[in-house]
PDB file of all heavy atoms in Angstrom:
ATOM      1  N   PHE A   1     -31.844   2.831  25.114  1.00  0.00           N
ATOM      2  CA  PHE A   1     -30.747   3.562  25.695  1.00  0.00           C
ATOM      3  C   PHE A   1     -30.501   4.948  24.857  1.00  0.00           C
ATOM      4  O   PHE A   1     -30.327   5.981  25.445  1.00  0.00           O
ATOM      5  CB  PHE A   1     -29.464   2.727  25.707  1.00  0.00           C
ATOM      6  CG  PHE A   1     -28.243   3.452  26.009  1.00  0.00           C
ATOM      7  CD1 PHE A   1     -27.933   3.771  27.337  1.00  0.00           C
ATOM      8  CD2 PHE A   1     -27.363   3.843  25.067  1.00  0.00           C
ATOM      9  CE1 PHE A   1     -26.738   4.412  27.653  1.00  0.00           C
ATOM     10  CE2 PHE A   1     -26.233   4.588  25.386  1.00  0.00           C
ATOM     11  CZ  PHE A   1     -25.959   4.837  26.665  1.00  0.00           C
ATOM     12  N   PHE A   2     -30.522   4.803  23.567  1.00  0.00           N
ATOM     13  CA  PHE A   2     -30.207   5.982  22.742  1.00  0.00           C
ATOM     14  C   PHE A   2     -31.397   6.970  22.775  1.00  0.00           C
ATOM     15  O   PHE A   2     -31.195   8.189  22.726  1.00  0.00           O
ATOM     16  CB  PHE A   2     -29.897   5.587  21.264  1.00  0.00           C
ATOM     17  CG  PHE A   2     -28.557   5.009  21.105  1.00  0.00           C
ATOM     18  CD1 PHE A   2     -28.337   3.607  20.856  1.00  0.00           C
ATOM     19  CD2 PHE A   2     -27.455   5.762  21.240  1.00  0.00           C
ATOM     20  CE1 PHE A   2     -27.081   3.098  20.690  1.00  0.00           C
ATOM     21  CE2 PHE A   2     -26.105   5.263  21.099  1.00  0.00           C
ATOM     22  CZ  PHE A   2     -25.978   3.912  20.843  1.00  0.00           C
ATOM     23  N   GLU A   3     -32.613   6.450  22.915  1.00  0.00           N
ATOM     24  CA  GLU A   3     -33.717   7.368  23.012  1.00  0.00           C
ATOM     25  C   GLU A   3     -33.716   8.155  24.359  1.00  0.00           C
ATOM     26  O   GLU A   3     -34.012   9.357  24.432  1.00  0.00           O
ATOM     27  CB  GLU A   3     -35.035   6.560  23.011  1.00  0.00           C
ATOM     28  CG  GLU A   3     -35.317   6.067  21.563  1.00  0.00           C
ATOM     29  CD  GLU A   3     -36.402   4.964  21.554  1.00  0.00           C
ATOM     30  OE1 GLU A   3     -36.878   4.567  22.630  1.00  0.00           O
ATOM     31  OE2 GLU A   3     -36.772   4.571  20.414  1.00  0.00           O
ATOM     32  N   ASP A   4     -33.238   7.446  25.444  1.00  0.00           N
ATOM     33  CA  ASP A   4     -33.032   8.152  26.693  1.00  0.00           C
ATOM     34  C   ASP A   4     -31.936   9.248  26.566  1.00  0.00           C
ATOM     35  O   ASP A   4     -31.982  10.340  27.152  1.00  0.00           O
ATOM     36  CB  ASP A   4     -32.682   7.220  27.844  1.00  0.00           C
ATOM     37  CG  ASP A   4     -33.879   6.282  28.159  1.00  0.00           C
ATOM     38  OD1 ASP A   4     -35.058   6.661  27.890  1.00  0.00           O
ATOM     39  OD2 ASP A   4     -33.642   5.175  28.739  1.00  0.00           O
ATOM     40  N   GLU A   5     -30.854   8.855  25.833  1.00  0.00           N
ATOM     41  CA  GLU A   5     -29.819   9.832  25.607  1.00  0.00           C
ATOM     42  C   GLU A   5     -30.271  11.073  24.890  1.00  0.00           C
ATOM     43  O   GLU A   5     -29.939  12.216  25.211  1.00  0.00           O
ATOM     44  CB  GLU A   5     -28.627   9.146  24.838  1.00  0.00           C
ATOM     45  CG  GLU A   5     -27.824   8.168  25.601  1.00  0.00           C
ATOM     46  CD  GLU A   5     -26.825   8.851  26.541  1.00  0.00           C
ATOM     47  OE1 GLU A   5     -26.085   9.754  26.001  1.00  0.00           O
ATOM     48  OE2 GLU A   5     -26.728   8.548  27.650  1.00  0.00           O
ATOM     49  N   VAL A   6     -31.165  10.834  23.872  1.00  0.00           N
ATOM     50  CA  VAL A   6     -31.666  11.969  23.153  1.00  0.00           C
ATOM     51  C   VAL A   6     -32.564  12.815  24.039  1.00  0.00           C
ATOM     52  O   VAL A   6     -32.468  14.096  23.984  1.00  0.00           O
ATOM     53  CB  VAL A   6     -32.517  11.487  21.924  1.00  0.00           C
ATOM     54  CG1 VAL A   6     -33.248  12.643  21.245  1.00  0.00           C
ATOM     55  CG2 VAL A   6     -31.574  10.805  20.879  1.00  0.00           C
ATOM     56  N   ASP A   7     -33.374  12.239  24.861  1.00  0.00           N
ATOM     57  CA  ASP A   7     -34.179  12.968  25.783  1.00  0.00           C
ATOM     58  C   ASP A   7     -33.360  13.788  26.745  1.00  0.00           C
ATOM     59  O   ASP A   7     -33.716  14.996  27.005  1.00  0.00           O
ATOM     60  CB  ASP A   7     -35.053  12.006  26.632  1.00  0.00           C
ATOM     61  CG  ASP A   7     -36.151  11.313  25.721  1.00  0.00           C
ATOM     62  OD1 ASP A   7     -36.387  11.855  24.668  1.00  0.00           O
ATOM     63  OD2 ASP A   7     -36.714  10.274  26.180  1.00  0.00           O
ATOM     64  N   GLN A   8     -32.270  13.246  27.253  1.00  0.00           N
ATOM     65  CA  GLN A   8     -31.370  14.035  28.196  1.00  0.00           C
ATOM     66  C   GLN A   8     -30.740  15.195  27.496  1.00  0.00           C
ATOM     67  O   GLN A   8     -30.680  16.291  28.070  1.00  0.00           O
ATOM     68  CB  GLN A   8     -30.396  13.096  28.816  1.00  0.00           C
ATOM     69  CG  GLN A   8     -31.010  12.010  29.696  1.00  0.00           C
ATOM     70  CD  GLN A   8     -29.944  11.058  30.239  1.00  0.00           C
ATOM     71  OE1 GLN A   8     -28.738  11.226  30.003  1.00  0.00           O
ATOM     72  NE2 GLN A   8     -30.387   9.993  30.937  1.00  0.00           N
ATOM     73  N   GLN A   9     -30.248  14.926  26.252  1.00  0.00           N
ATOM     74  CA  GLN A   9     -29.617  16.017  25.530  1.00  0.00           C
ATOM     75  C   GLN A   9     -30.580  17.151  25.097  1.00  0.00           C
ATOM     76  O   GLN A   9     -30.246  18.283  25.167  1.00  0.00           O
ATOM     77  CB  GLN A   9     -28.902  15.504  24.246  1.00  0.00           C
ATOM     78  CG  GLN A   9     -27.633  14.682  24.618  1.00  0.00           C
ATOM     79  CD  GLN A   9     -26.755  14.490  23.367  1.00  0.00           C
ATOM     80  OE1 GLN A   9     -26.984  15.140  22.397  1.00  0.00           O
ATOM     81  NE2 GLN A   9     -25.783  13.663  23.579  1.00  0.00           N
ATOM     82  N   LEU A  10     -31.822  16.706  24.787  1.00  0.00           N
ATOM     83  CA  LEU A  10     -32.807  17.794  24.490  1.00  0.00           C
ATOM     84  C   LEU A  10     -33.169  18.594  25.694  1.00  0.00           C
ATOM     85  O   LEU A  10     -33.432  19.822  25.596  1.00  0.00           O
ATOM     86  CB  LEU A  10     -34.085  17.000  23.953  1.00  0.00           C
ATOM     87  CG  LEU A  10     -34.030  16.501  22.553  1.00  0.00           C
ATOM     88  CD1 LEU A  10     -35.365  15.795  22.192  1.00  0.00           C
ATOM     89  CD2 LEU A  10     -33.797  17.606  21.488  1.00  0.00           C
ATOM     90  N   ALA A  11     -33.147  17.936  26.880  1.00  0.00           N
ATOM     91  CA  ALA A  11     -33.507  18.730  28.108  1.00  0.00           C
ATOM     92  C   ALA A  11     -32.367  19.734  28.420  1.00  0.00           C
ATOM     93  O   ALA A  11     -32.627  20.813  28.878  1.00  0.00           O
ATOM     94  CB  ALA A  11     -33.679  17.798  29.318  1.00  0.00           C
ATOM     95  N   SER A  12     -31.142  19.337  28.132  1.00  0.00           N
ATOM     96  CA  SER A  12     -30.015  20.292  28.445  1.00  0.00           C
ATOM     97  C   SER A  12     -29.813  21.232  27.203  1.00  0.00           C
ATOM     98  O   SER A  12     -29.089  22.237  27.412  1.00  0.00           O
ATOM     99  CB  SER A  12     -28.716  19.483  28.632  1.00  0.00           C
ATOM    100  OG  SER A  12     -28.368  18.724  27.519  1.00  0.00           O
ATOM    101  N   LEU A  13     -30.363  21.008  26.086  1.00  0.00           N
ATOM    102  CA  LEU A  13     -30.172  21.845  24.918  1.00  0.00           C
ATOM    103  C   LEU A  13     -30.764  23.262  25.169  1.00  0.00           C
ATOM    104  O   LEU A  13     -30.127  24.215  24.776  1.00  0.00           O
ATOM    105  CB  LEU A  13     -30.782  21.206  23.641  1.00  0.00           C
ATOM    106  CG  LEU A  13     -30.540  21.940  22.371  1.00  0.00           C
ATOM    107  CD1 LEU A  13     -29.038  22.018  21.982  1.00  0.00           C
ATOM    108  CD2 LEU A  13     -31.299  21.257  21.226  1.00  0.00           C
ATOM    109  N   ALA A  14     -31.918  23.256  25.737  1.00  0.00           N
ATOM    110  CA  ALA A  14     -32.561  24.589  25.944  1.00  0.00           C
ATOM    111  C   ALA A  14     -31.743  25.439  26.907  1.00  0.00           C
ATOM    112  O   ALA A  14     -31.504  26.623  26.711  1.00  0.00           O
ATOM    113  CB  ALA A  14     -33.971  24.347  26.532  1.00  0.00           C
ATOM    114  N   SER A  15     -31.255  24.797  28.035  1.00  0.00           N
ATOM    115  CA  SER A  15     -30.422  25.530  28.958  1.00  0.00           C
ATOM    116  C   SER A  15     -29.113  25.998  28.363  1.00  0.00           C
ATOM    117  O   SER A  15     -28.447  26.973  28.872  1.00  0.00           O
ATOM    118  CB  SER A  15     -30.230  24.669  30.217  1.00  0.00           C
ATOM    119  OG  SER A  15     -29.534  23.495  29.906  1.00  0.00           O
ATOM    120  N   LEU A  16     -28.647  25.238  27.299  1.00  0.00           N
ATOM    121  CA  LEU A  16     -27.427  25.641  26.690  1.00  0.00           C
ATOM    122  C   LEU A  16     -27.575  26.704  25.631  1.00  0.00           C
ATOM    123  O   LEU A  16     -26.760  27.624  25.516  1.00  0.00           O
ATOM    124  CB  LEU A  16     -26.724  24.373  26.061  1.00  0.00           C
ATOM    125  CG  LEU A  16     -25.419  24.570  25.289  1.00  0.00           C
ATOM    126  CD1 LEU A  16     -24.335  24.935  26.326  1.00  0.00           C
ATOM    127  CD2 LEU A  16     -25.062  23.311  24.637  1.00  0.00           C
ATOM    128  N   LEU A  17     -28.677  26.639  24.917  1.00  0.00           N
ATOM    129  CA  LEU A  17     -28.915  27.589  23.829  1.00  0.00           C
ATOM    130  C   LEU A  17     -29.346  28.905  24.333  1.00  0.00           C
ATOM    131  O   LEU A  17     -29.086  30.019  23.741  1.00  0.00           O
ATOM    132  CB  LEU A  17     -29.885  27.051  22.858  1.00  0.00           C
ATOM    133  CG  LEU A  17     -29.430  25.929  21.954  1.00  0.00           C
ATOM    134  CD1 LEU A  17     -30.485  25.423  21.066  1.00  0.00           C
ATOM    135  CD2 LEU A  17     -28.217  26.359  21.069  1.00  0.00           C
ATOM    136  N   GLU A  18     -30.119  28.965  25.401  1.00  0.00           N
ATOM    137  CA  GLU A  18     -30.756  30.205  25.796  1.00  0.00           C
ATOM    138  C   GLU A  18     -29.735  31.282  26.129  1.00  0.00           C
ATOM    139  O   GLU A  18     -29.795  32.431  25.678  1.00  0.00           O
ATOM    140  CB  GLU A  18     -31.708  29.904  27.043  1.00  0.00           C
ATOM    141  CG  GLU A  18     -32.470  31.177  27.427  1.00  0.00           C
ATOM    142  CD  GLU A  18     -33.523  30.830  28.517  1.00  0.00           C
ATOM    143  OE1 GLU A  18     -33.627  29.632  28.864  1.00  0.00           O
ATOM    144  OE2 GLU A  18     -34.210  31.700  28.952  1.00  0.00           O
ATOM    145  N   PRO A  19     -28.693  31.002  26.992  1.00  0.00           N
ATOM    146  CA  PRO A  19     -27.698  32.082  27.298  1.00  0.00           C
ATOM    147  C   PRO A  19     -26.914  32.443  25.995  1.00  0.00           C
ATOM    148  O   PRO A  19     -26.570  33.587  25.857  1.00  0.00           O
ATOM    149  CB  PRO A  19     -26.838  31.403  28.395  1.00  0.00           C
ATOM    150  CG  PRO A  19     -26.984  29.979  28.244  1.00  0.00           C
ATOM    151  CD  PRO A  19     -28.432  29.778  27.812  1.00  0.00           C
ATOM    152  N   PHE A  20     -26.630  31.480  25.135  1.00  0.00           N
ATOM    153  CA  PHE A  20     -25.881  31.741  24.004  1.00  0.00           C
ATOM    154  C   PHE A  20     -26.666  32.726  23.132  1.00  0.00           C
ATOM    155  O   PHE A  20     -26.110  33.688  22.545  1.00  0.00           O
ATOM    156  CB  PHE A  20     -25.531  30.484  23.151  1.00  0.00           C
ATOM    157  CG  PHE A  20     -24.936  30.670  21.868  1.00  0.00           C
ATOM    158  CD1 PHE A  20     -23.588  30.983  21.747  1.00  0.00           C
ATOM    159  CD2 PHE A  20     -25.692  30.608  20.662  1.00  0.00           C
ATOM    160  CE1 PHE A  20     -22.989  31.193  20.585  1.00  0.00           C
ATOM    161  CE2 PHE A  20     -25.059  30.798  19.449  1.00  0.00           C
ATOM    162  CZ  PHE A  20     -23.712  31.114  19.360  1.00  0.00           C
ATOM    163  N   ILE A  21     -27.975  32.490  22.906  1.00  0.00           N
ATOM    164  CA  ILE A  21     -28.830  33.366  22.099  1.00  0.00           C
ATOM    165  C   ILE A  21     -28.916  34.759  22.732  1.00  0.00           C
ATOM    166  O   ILE A  21     -28.888  35.776  22.028  1.00  0.00           O
ATOM    167  CB  ILE A  21     -30.168  32.765  21.870  1.00  0.00           C
ATOM    168  CG1 ILE A  21     -30.110  31.444  21.045  1.00  0.00           C
ATOM    169  CG2 ILE A  21     -31.153  33.687  21.216  1.00  0.00           C
ATOM    170  CD1 ILE A  21     -31.361  30.678  20.952  1.00  0.00           C
ATOM    171  N   ILE A  22     -29.115  34.768  24.042  1.00  0.00           N
ATOM    172  CA  ILE A  22     -29.240  36.045  24.729  1.00  0.00           C
ATOM    173  C   ILE A  22     -27.946  36.912  24.573  1.00  0.00           C
ATOM    174  O   ILE A  22     -27.998  38.105  24.253  1.00  0.00           O
ATOM    175  CB  ILE A  22     -29.618  35.823  26.221  1.00  0.00           C
ATOM    176  CG1 ILE A  22     -30.988  35.230  26.321  1.00  0.00           C
ATOM    177  CG2 ILE A  22     -29.481  37.092  26.989  1.00  0.00           C
ATOM    178  CD1 ILE A  22     -31.409  34.943  27.712  1.00  0.00           C
ATOM    179  N   VAL A  23     -26.788  36.287  24.743  1.00  0.00           N
ATOM    180  CA  VAL A  23     -25.519  36.989  24.541  1.00  0.00           C
ATOM    181  C   VAL A  23     -25.327  37.530  23.157  1.00  0.00           C
ATOM    182  O   VAL A  23     -24.947  38.676  22.934  1.00  0.00           O
ATOM    183  CB  VAL A  23     -24.383  36.069  25.037  1.00  0.00           C
ATOM    184  CG1 VAL A  23     -22.992  36.736  24.641  1.00  0.00           C
ATOM    185  CG2 VAL A  23     -24.435  35.814  26.496  1.00  0.00           C
ATOM    186  N   THR A  24     -25.653  36.605  22.182  1.00  0.00           N
ATOM    187  CA  THR A  24     -25.472  37.049  20.739  1.00  0.00           C
ATOM    188  C   THR A  24     -26.358  38.230  20.462  1.00  0.00           C
ATOM    189  O   THR A  24     -25.970  39.201  19.804  1.00  0.00           O
ATOM    190  CB  THR A  24     -25.805  35.847  19.855  1.00  0.00           C
ATOM    191  OG1 THR A  24     -24.891  34.802  20.160  1.00  0.00           O
ATOM    192  CG2 THR A  24     -25.506  36.292  18.429  1.00  0.00           C
ATOM    193  N   LEU A  25     -27.671  38.090  20.857  1.00  0.00           N
ATOM    194  CA  LEU A  25     -28.587  39.177  20.544  1.00  0.00           C
ATOM    195  C   LEU A  25     -28.200  40.425  21.346  1.00  0.00           C
ATOM    196  O   LEU A  25     -28.356  41.567  20.824  1.00  0.00           O
ATOM    197  CB  LEU A  25     -30.055  38.733  20.844  1.00  0.00           C
ATOM    198  CG  LEU A  25     -30.535  37.598  20.014  1.00  0.00           C
ATOM    199  CD1 LEU A  25     -31.949  37.281  20.429  1.00  0.00           C
ATOM    200  CD2 LEU A  25     -30.488  37.951  18.486  1.00  0.00           C
ATOM    201  N   GLY A  26     -27.720  40.234  22.579  1.00  0.00           N
ATOM    202  CA  GLY A  26     -27.339  41.457  23.349  1.00  0.00           C
ATOM    203  C   GLY A  26     -26.241  42.147  22.683  1.00  0.00           C
ATOM    204  O   GLY A  26     -26.177  43.425  22.681  1.00  0.00           O
ATOM    205  N   VAL A  27     -25.274  41.389  22.184  1.00  0.00           N
ATOM    206  CA  VAL A  27     -24.064  42.066  21.472  1.00  0.00           C
ATOM    207  C   VAL A  27     -24.530  42.804  20.263  1.00  0.00           C
ATOM    208  O   VAL A  27     -24.120  43.970  19.952  1.00  0.00           O
ATOM    209  CB  VAL A  27     -23.035  41.039  21.140  1.00  0.00           C
ATOM    210  CG1 VAL A  27     -21.905  41.652  20.219  1.00  0.00           C
ATOM    211  CG2 VAL A  27     -22.407  40.486  22.479  1.00  0.00           C
ATOM    212  N   LEU A  28     -25.357  42.155  19.406  1.00  0.00           N
ATOM    213  CA  LEU A  28     -25.867  42.810  18.172  1.00  0.00           C
ATOM    214  C   LEU A  28     -26.718  44.083  18.438  1.00  0.00           C
ATOM    215  O   LEU A  28     -26.407  45.197  17.994  1.00  0.00           O
ATOM    216  CB  LEU A  28     -26.658  41.803  17.396  1.00  0.00           C
ATOM    217  CG  LEU A  28     -25.834  40.630  16.705  1.00  0.00           C
ATOM    218  CD1 LEU A  28     -26.690  39.691  15.988  1.00  0.00           C
ATOM    219  CD2 LEU A  28     -24.773  41.124  15.760  1.00  0.00           C
ATOM    220  N   ILE A  29     -27.802  43.859  19.174  1.00  0.00           N
ATOM    221  CA  ILE A  29     -28.690  44.991  19.437  1.00  0.00           C
ATOM    222  C   ILE A  29     -28.009  46.004  20.342  1.00  0.00           C
ATOM    223  O   ILE A  29     -28.196  47.290  20.137  1.00  0.00           O
ATOM    224  CB  ILE A  29     -30.021  44.457  19.976  1.00  0.00           C
ATOM    225  CG1 ILE A  29     -30.711  43.496  18.962  1.00  0.00           C
ATOM    226  CG2 ILE A  29     -30.974  45.657  20.342  1.00  0.00           C
ATOM    227  CD1 ILE A  29     -32.036  42.948  19.427  1.00  0.00           C
ATOM    228  N   GLY A  30     -27.380  45.529  21.356  1.00  0.00           N
ATOM    229  CA  GLY A  30     -26.677  46.500  22.257  1.00  0.00           C
ATOM    230  C   GLY A  30     -25.608  47.246  21.549  1.00  0.00           C
ATOM    231  O   GLY A  30     -25.439  48.451  21.854  1.00  0.00           O
ATOM    232  N   GLY A  31     -24.911  46.614  20.642  1.00  0.00           N
ATOM    233  CA  GLY A  31     -23.902  47.350  19.852  1.00  0.00           C
ATOM    234  C   GLY A  31     -24.462  48.401  19.007  1.00  0.00           C
ATOM    235  O   GLY A  31     -23.914  49.515  18.873  1.00  0.00           O
ATOM    236  N   ILE A  32     -25.665  48.149  18.396  1.00  0.00           N
ATOM    237  CA  ILE A  32     -26.343  49.219  17.629  1.00  0.00           C
ATOM    238  C   ILE A  32     -26.763  50.353  18.493  1.00  0.00           C
ATOM    239  O   ILE A  32     -26.540  51.517  18.098  1.00  0.00           O
ATOM    240  CB  ILE A  32     -27.558  48.582  16.888  1.00  0.00           C
ATOM    241  CG1 ILE A  32     -27.080  47.585  15.857  1.00  0.00           C
ATOM    242  CG2 ILE A  32     -28.358  49.720  16.233  1.00  0.00           C
ATOM    243  CD1 ILE A  32     -28.215  46.856  15.177  1.00  0.00           C
ATOM    244  N   VAL A  33     -27.326  50.032  19.633  1.00  0.00           N
ATOM    245  CA  VAL A  33     -27.751  51.167  20.573  1.00  0.00           C
ATOM    246  C   VAL A  33     -26.537  52.005  21.006  1.00  0.00           C
ATOM    247  O   VAL A  33     -26.620  53.254  21.032  1.00  0.00           O
ATOM    248  CB  VAL A  33     -28.446  50.504  21.753  1.00  0.00           C
ATOM    249  CG1 VAL A  33     -28.808  51.561  22.815  1.00  0.00           C
ATOM    250  CG2 VAL A  33     -29.782  49.840  21.247  1.00  0.00           C
TER     251      VAL A  33
END
């Protein structure tokens, strides 16, 4: 059960981190520009 929970959270982790990373980098690099 816990292994399945880890698999599901890992699958959603990428979709959660990608917009956060893009927004953060956009603010930093865009702010410099």
